[in-house]
PDB file of all heavy atoms in Angstrom:
ATOM      1  N   TYR A   1      18.266  -2.751 -26.464  1.00  0.00           N
ATOM      2  CA  TYR A   1      17.233  -2.302 -25.629  1.00  0.00           C
ATOM      3  C   TYR A   1      17.362  -0.760 -25.362  1.00  0.00           C
ATOM      4  O   TYR A   1      16.401  -0.080 -24.988  1.00  0.00           O
ATOM      5  CB  TYR A   1      17.322  -3.058 -24.303  1.00  0.00           C
ATOM      6  CG  TYR A   1      16.008  -3.086 -23.523  1.00  0.00           C
ATOM      7  CD1 TYR A   1      14.780  -3.267 -24.181  1.00  0.00           C
ATOM      8  CD2 TYR A   1      16.036  -2.913 -22.183  1.00  0.00           C
ATOM      9  CE1 TYR A   1      13.554  -3.293 -23.366  1.00  0.00           C
ATOM     10  CE2 TYR A   1      14.847  -2.981 -21.418  1.00  0.00           C
ATOM     11  CZ  TYR A   1      13.629  -3.165 -22.027  1.00  0.00           C
ATOM     12  OH  TYR A   1      12.472  -3.175 -21.308  1.00  0.00           O
ATOM     13  N   ALA A   2      18.580  -0.234 -25.521  1.00  0.00           N
ATOM     14  CA  ALA A   2      18.840   1.207 -25.322  1.00  0.00           C
ATOM     15  C   ALA A   2      18.543   2.046 -26.556  1.00  0.00           C
ATOM     16  O   ALA A   2      18.579   3.212 -26.466  1.00  0.00           O
ATOM     17  CB  ALA A   2      20.269   1.429 -24.870  1.00  0.00           C
ATOM     18  N   LEU A   3      18.184   1.369 -27.672  1.00  0.00           N
ATOM     19  CA  LEU A   3      17.854   2.171 -28.833  1.00  0.00           C
ATOM     20  C   LEU A   3      16.621   2.980 -28.649  1.00  0.00           C
ATOM     21  O   LEU A   3      15.747   2.568 -27.786  1.00  0.00           O
ATOM     22  CB  LEU A   3      17.655   1.184 -30.068  1.00  0.00           C
ATOM     23  CG  LEU A   3      18.868   0.467 -30.511  1.00  0.00           C
ATOM     24  CD1 LEU A   3      18.473  -0.569 -31.547  1.00  0.00           C
ATOM     25  CD2 LEU A   3      19.923   1.330 -31.086  1.00  0.00           C
ATOM     26  N   PRO A   4      16.487   4.089 -29.342  1.00  0.00           N
ATOM     27  CA  PRO A   4      15.290   4.980 -29.156  1.00  0.00           C
ATOM     28  C   PRO A   4      13.982   4.216 -29.344  1.00  0.00           C
ATOM     29  O   PRO A   4      13.790   3.495 -30.374  1.00  0.00           O
ATOM     30  CB  PRO A   4      15.478   6.079 -30.211  1.00  0.00           C
ATOM     31  CG  PRO A   4      16.899   6.155 -30.442  1.00  0.00           C
ATOM     32  CD  PRO A   4      17.464   4.734 -30.263  1.00  0.00           C
ATOM     33  N   GLY A   5      13.119   4.267 -28.371  1.00  0.00           N
ATOM     34  CA  GLY A   5      11.776   3.648 -28.497  1.00  0.00           C
ATOM     35  C   GLY A   5      11.700   2.180 -28.097  1.00  0.00           C
ATOM     36  O   GLY A   5      10.570   1.618 -28.052  1.00  0.00           O
ATOM     37  N   ALA A   6      12.857   1.522 -27.795  1.00  0.00           N
ATOM     38  CA  ALA A   6      12.890   0.095 -27.540  1.00  0.00           C
ATOM     39  C   ALA A   6      12.183  -0.265 -26.243  1.00  0.00           C
ATOM     40  O   ALA A   6      11.384  -1.161 -26.187  1.00  0.00           O
ATOM     41  CB  ALA A   6      14.326  -0.429 -27.539  1.00  0.00           C
ATOM     42  N   VAL A   7      12.466   0.479 -25.161  1.00  0.00           N
ATOM     43  CA  VAL A   7      11.789   0.182 -23.919  1.00  0.00           C
ATOM     44  C   VAL A   7      10.269   0.384 -24.026  1.00  0.00           C
ATOM     45  O   VAL A   7       9.465  -0.470 -23.645  1.00  0.00           O
ATOM     46  CB  VAL A   7      12.341   1.067 -22.811  1.00  0.00           C
ATOM     47  CG1 VAL A   7      11.546   0.817 -21.515  1.00  0.00           C
ATOM     48  CG2 VAL A   7      13.831   0.676 -22.490  1.00  0.00           C
ATOM     49  N   GLU A   8       9.890   1.446 -24.667  1.00  0.00           N
ATOM     50  CA  GLU A   8       8.468   1.760 -24.920  1.00  0.00           C
ATOM     51  C   GLU A   8       7.786   0.640 -25.737  1.00  0.00           C
ATOM     52  O   GLU A   8       6.693   0.166 -25.394  1.00  0.00           O
ATOM     53  CB  GLU A   8       8.300   3.060 -25.565  1.00  0.00           C
ATOM     54  CG  GLU A   8       6.834   3.474 -25.824  1.00  0.00           C
ATOM     55  CD  GLU A   8       6.660   4.775 -26.573  1.00  0.00           C
ATOM     56  OE1 GLU A   8       7.649   5.318 -26.988  1.00  0.00           O
ATOM     57  OE2 GLU A   8       5.501   5.210 -26.645  1.00  0.00           O
ATOM     58  N   ALA A   9       8.444   0.219 -26.787  1.00  0.00           N
ATOM     59  CA  ALA A   9       7.909  -0.864 -27.607  1.00  0.00           C
ATOM     60  C   ALA A   9       7.742  -2.166 -26.847  1.00  0.00           C
ATOM     61  O   ALA A   9       6.686  -2.821 -26.926  1.00  0.00           O
ATOM     62  CB  ALA A   9       8.777  -1.081 -28.790  1.00  0.00           C
ATOM     63  N   GLY A  10       8.673  -2.505 -25.982  1.00  0.00           N
ATOM     64  CA  GLY A  10       8.563  -3.691 -25.168  1.00  0.00           C
ATOM     65  C   GLY A  10       7.445  -3.582 -24.162  1.00  0.00           C
ATOM     66  O   GLY A  10       6.662  -4.476 -23.935  1.00  0.00           O
ATOM     67  N   ALA A  11       7.334  -2.403 -23.526  1.00  0.00           N
ATOM     68  CA  ALA A  11       6.292  -2.161 -22.569  1.00  0.00           C
ATOM     69  C   ALA A  11       4.902  -2.196 -23.172  1.00  0.00           C
ATOM     70  O   ALA A  11       3.941  -2.694 -22.597  1.00  0.00           O
ATOM     71  CB  ALA A  11       6.487  -0.809 -21.860  1.00  0.00           C
ATOM     72  N   GLU A  12       4.786  -1.755 -24.394  1.00  0.00           N
ATOM     73  CA  GLU A  12       3.522  -1.773 -25.117  1.00  0.00           C
ATOM     74  C   GLU A  12       3.017  -3.143 -25.376  1.00  0.00           C
ATOM     75  O   GLU A  12       1.806  -3.414 -25.452  1.00  0.00           O
ATOM     76  CB  GLU A  12       3.587  -1.046 -26.472  1.00  0.00           C
ATOM     77  CG  GLU A  12       3.708   0.480 -26.283  1.00  0.00           C
ATOM     78  CD  GLU A  12       2.449   1.129 -25.666  1.00  0.00           C
ATOM     79  OE1 GLU A  12       1.404   0.556 -25.749  1.00  0.00           O
ATOM     80  OE2 GLU A  12       2.687   2.144 -24.975  1.00  0.00           O
ATOM     81  N   LEU A  13       3.918  -4.175 -25.375  1.00  0.00           N
ATOM     82  CA  LEU A  13       3.449  -5.551 -25.504  1.00  0.00           C
ATOM     83  C   LEU A  13       2.650  -5.935 -24.290  1.00  0.00           C
ATOM     84  O   LEU A  13       1.644  -6.648 -24.355  1.00  0.00           O
ATOM     85  CB  LEU A  13       4.681  -6.484 -25.662  1.00  0.00           C
ATOM     86  CG  LEU A  13       5.370  -6.464 -27.018  1.00  0.00           C
ATOM     87  CD1 LEU A  13       6.669  -7.263 -26.928  1.00  0.00           C
ATOM     88  CD2 LEU A  13       4.494  -6.942 -28.136  1.00  0.00           C
ATOM     89  N   TYR A  14       3.096  -5.486 -23.101  1.00  0.00           N
ATOM     90  CA  TYR A  14       2.350  -5.787 -21.825  1.00  0.00           C
ATOM     91  C   TYR A  14       1.069  -4.980 -21.752  1.00  0.00           C
ATOM     92  O   TYR A  14       0.060  -5.466 -21.294  1.00  0.00           O
ATOM     93  CB  TYR A  14       3.272  -5.559 -20.699  1.00  0.00           C
ATOM     94  CG  TYR A  14       4.425  -6.494 -20.576  1.00  0.00           C
ATOM     95  CD1 TYR A  14       5.679  -6.175 -21.222  1.00  0.00           C
ATOM     96  CD2 TYR A  14       4.294  -7.687 -19.886  1.00  0.00           C
ATOM     97  CE1 TYR A  14       6.731  -7.046 -21.212  1.00  0.00           C
ATOM     98  CE2 TYR A  14       5.386  -8.605 -19.876  1.00  0.00           C
ATOM     99  CZ  TYR A  14       6.593  -8.256 -20.462  1.00  0.00           C
ATOM    100  OH  TYR A  14       7.586  -9.153 -20.431  1.00  0.00           O
ATOM    101  N   ARG A  15       1.109  -3.746 -22.280  1.00  0.00           N
ATOM    102  CA  ARG A  15      -0.028  -2.886 -22.159  1.00  0.00           C
ATOM    103  C   ARG A  15      -1.181  -3.334 -23.145  1.00  0.00           C
ATOM    104  O   ARG A  15      -2.343  -2.983 -22.949  1.00  0.00           O
ATOM    105  CB  ARG A  15       0.404  -1.459 -22.498  1.00  0.00           C
ATOM    106  CG  ARG A  15       1.288  -0.894 -21.440  1.00  0.00           C
ATOM    107  CD  ARG A  15       2.001   0.407 -21.884  1.00  0.00           C
ATOM    108  NE  ARG A  15       2.978   0.792 -20.877  1.00  0.00           N
ATOM    109  CZ  ARG A  15       4.007   1.657 -21.158  1.00  0.00           C
ATOM    110  NH1 ARG A  15       4.083   2.204 -22.364  1.00  0.00           N
ATOM    111  NH2 ARG A  15       4.866   1.936 -20.212  1.00  0.00           N
ATOM    112  N   ALA A  16      -0.749  -4.244 -24.086  1.00  0.00           N
ATOM    113  CA  ALA A  16      -1.757  -4.723 -25.009  1.00  0.00           C
ATOM    114  C   ALA A  16      -2.424  -6.001 -24.505  1.00  0.00           C
ATOM    115  O   ALA A  16      -3.257  -6.591 -25.206  1.00  0.00           O
ATOM    116  CB  ALA A  16      -1.114  -5.015 -26.387  1.00  0.00           C
ATOM    117  N   PHE A  17      -2.096  -6.443 -23.313  1.00  0.00           N
ATOM    118  CA  PHE A  17      -2.667  -7.703 -22.781  1.00  0.00           C
ATOM    119  C   PHE A  17      -4.163  -7.743 -22.825  1.00  0.00           C
ATOM    120  O   PHE A  17      -4.724  -8.799 -23.203  1.00  0.00           O
ATOM    121  CB  PHE A  17      -2.202  -7.970 -21.313  1.00  0.00           C
ATOM    122  CG  PHE A  17      -0.859  -8.597 -21.253  1.00  0.00           C
ATOM    123  CD1 PHE A  17      -0.106  -8.845 -22.392  1.00  0.00           C
ATOM    124  CD2 PHE A  17      -0.325  -8.968 -20.071  1.00  0.00           C
ATOM    125  CE1 PHE A  17       1.195  -9.459 -22.314  1.00  0.00           C
ATOM    126  CE2 PHE A  17       0.888  -9.626 -19.896  1.00  0.00           C
ATOM    127  CZ  PHE A  17       1.661  -9.880 -21.045  1.00  0.00           C
ATOM    128  N   PRO A  18      -4.866  -6.704 -22.416  1.00  0.00           N
ATOM    129  CA  PRO A  18      -6.381  -6.791 -22.503  1.00  0.00           C
ATOM    130  C   PRO A  18      -6.891  -7.100 -23.965  1.00  0.00           C
ATOM    131  O   PRO A  18      -7.786  -7.829 -24.089  1.00  0.00           O
ATOM    132  CB  PRO A  18      -6.805  -5.390 -22.041  1.00  0.00           C
ATOM    133  CG  PRO A  18      -5.700  -4.957 -21.124  1.00  0.00           C
ATOM    134  CD  PRO A  18      -4.452  -5.465 -21.769  1.00  0.00           C
ATOM    135  N   LYS A  19      -6.248  -6.419 -24.882  1.00  0.00           N
ATOM    136  CA  LYS A  19      -6.683  -6.640 -26.340  1.00  0.00           C
ATOM    137  C   LYS A  19      -6.302  -8.103 -26.802  1.00  0.00           C
ATOM    138  O   LYS A  19      -7.016  -8.693 -27.484  1.00  0.00           O
ATOM    139  CB  LYS A  19      -6.021  -5.614 -27.250  1.00  0.00           C
ATOM    140  CG  LYS A  19      -6.503  -5.758 -28.662  1.00  0.00           C
ATOM    141  CD  LYS A  19      -7.972  -5.410 -28.822  1.00  0.00           C
ATOM    142  CE  LYS A  19      -8.411  -5.171 -30.271  1.00  0.00           C
ATOM    143  NZ  LYS A  19      -8.289  -6.388 -31.086  1.00  0.00           N
ATOM    144  N   ASP A  20      -5.083  -8.526 -26.307  1.00  0.00           N
ATOM    145  CA  ASP A  20      -4.691  -9.920 -26.629  1.00  0.00           C
ATOM    146  C   ASP A  20      -5.639 -10.954 -26.055  1.00  0.00           C
ATOM    147  O   ASP A  20      -6.003 -11.852 -26.731  1.00  0.00           O
ATOM    148  CB  ASP A  20      -3.245 -10.195 -26.093  1.00  0.00           C
ATOM    149  CG  ASP A  20      -2.225  -9.412 -26.754  1.00  0.00           C
ATOM    150  OD1 ASP A  20      -2.463  -8.902 -27.893  1.00  0.00           O
ATOM    151  OD2 ASP A  20      -1.095  -9.195 -26.159  1.00  0.00           O
ATOM    152  N   LEU A  21      -6.065 -10.702 -24.858  1.00  0.00           N
ATOM    153  CA  LEU A  21      -7.094 -11.599 -24.195  1.00  0.00           C
ATOM    154  C   LEU A  21      -8.323 -11.624 -25.024  1.00  0.00           C
ATOM    155  O   LEU A  21      -8.846 -12.756 -25.274  1.00  0.00           O
ATOM    156  CB  LEU A  21      -7.302 -11.091 -22.769  1.00  0.00           C
ATOM    157  CG  LEU A  21      -8.443 -11.821 -22.024  1.00  0.00           C
ATOM    158  CD1 LEU A  21      -8.212 -13.314 -21.890  1.00  0.00           C
ATOM    159  CD2 LEU A  21      -8.720 -11.200 -20.643  1.00  0.00           C
ATOM    160  N   GLU A  22      -8.798 -10.515 -25.417  1.00  0.00           N
ATOM    161  CA  GLU A  22     -10.021 -10.475 -26.203  1.00  0.00           C
ATOM    162  C   GLU A  22      -9.863 -11.156 -27.628  1.00  0.00           C
ATOM    163  O   GLU A  22     -10.658 -11.952 -27.966  1.00  0.00           O
ATOM    164  CB  GLU A  22     -10.383  -8.964 -26.540  1.00  0.00           C
ATOM    165  CG  GLU A  22     -11.619  -8.728 -27.363  1.00  0.00           C
ATOM    166  CD  GLU A  22     -11.814  -7.259 -27.611  1.00  0.00           C
ATOM    167  OE1 GLU A  22     -11.477  -6.398 -26.763  1.00  0.00           O
ATOM    168  OE2 GLU A  22     -12.315  -6.905 -28.761  1.00  0.00           O
ATOM    169  N   ASP A  23      -8.668 -10.891 -28.208  1.00  0.00           N
ATOM    170  CA  ASP A  23      -8.473 -11.493 -29.562  1.00  0.00           C
ATOM    171  C   ASP A  23      -8.330 -13.010 -29.435  1.00  0.00           C
ATOM    172  O   ASP A  23      -8.827 -13.771 -30.209  1.00  0.00           O
ATOM    173  CB  ASP A  23      -7.221 -10.904 -30.204  1.00  0.00           C
ATOM    174  CG  ASP A  23      -7.448  -9.451 -30.603  1.00  0.00           C
ATOM    175  OD1 ASP A  23      -8.613  -9.053 -30.689  1.00  0.00           O
ATOM    176  OD2 ASP A  23      -6.428  -8.793 -30.829  1.00  0.00           O
ATOM    177  N   ASN A  24      -7.474 -13.467 -28.476  1.00  0.00           N
ATOM    178  CA  ASN A  24      -7.326 -14.909 -28.342  1.00  0.00           C
ATOM    179  C   ASN A  24      -8.483 -15.659 -27.900  1.00  0.00           C
ATOM    180  O   ASN A  24      -8.690 -16.810 -28.251  1.00  0.00           O
ATOM    181  CB  ASN A  24      -6.132 -15.154 -27.350  1.00  0.00           C
ATOM    182  CG  ASN A  24      -4.810 -14.732 -27.869  1.00  0.00           C
ATOM    183  OD1 ASN A  24      -4.609 -14.624 -29.087  1.00  0.00           O
ATOM    184  ND2 ASN A  24      -3.837 -14.404 -27.015  1.00  0.00           N
ATOM    185  N   THR A  25      -9.332 -15.051 -27.052  1.00  0.00           N
ATOM    186  CA  THR A  25     -10.575 -15.681 -26.670  1.00  0.00           C
ATOM    187  C   THR A  25     -11.465 -15.839 -27.851  1.00  0.00           C
ATOM    188  O   THR A  25     -12.083 -16.954 -28.020  1.00  0.00           O
ATOM    189  CB  THR A  25     -11.310 -14.816 -25.577  1.00  0.00           C
ATOM    190  OG1 THR A  25     -10.435 -14.745 -24.504  1.00  0.00           O
ATOM    191  CG2 THR A  25     -12.548 -15.521 -25.190  1.00  0.00           C
TER     192      THR A  25
END
């Protein structure tokens, strides 16, 4: 989790929720 970009990559999963909702619907 301390590797460069790891926290950002994990956070981006949550930031993609609106697109996920659209795609899954």
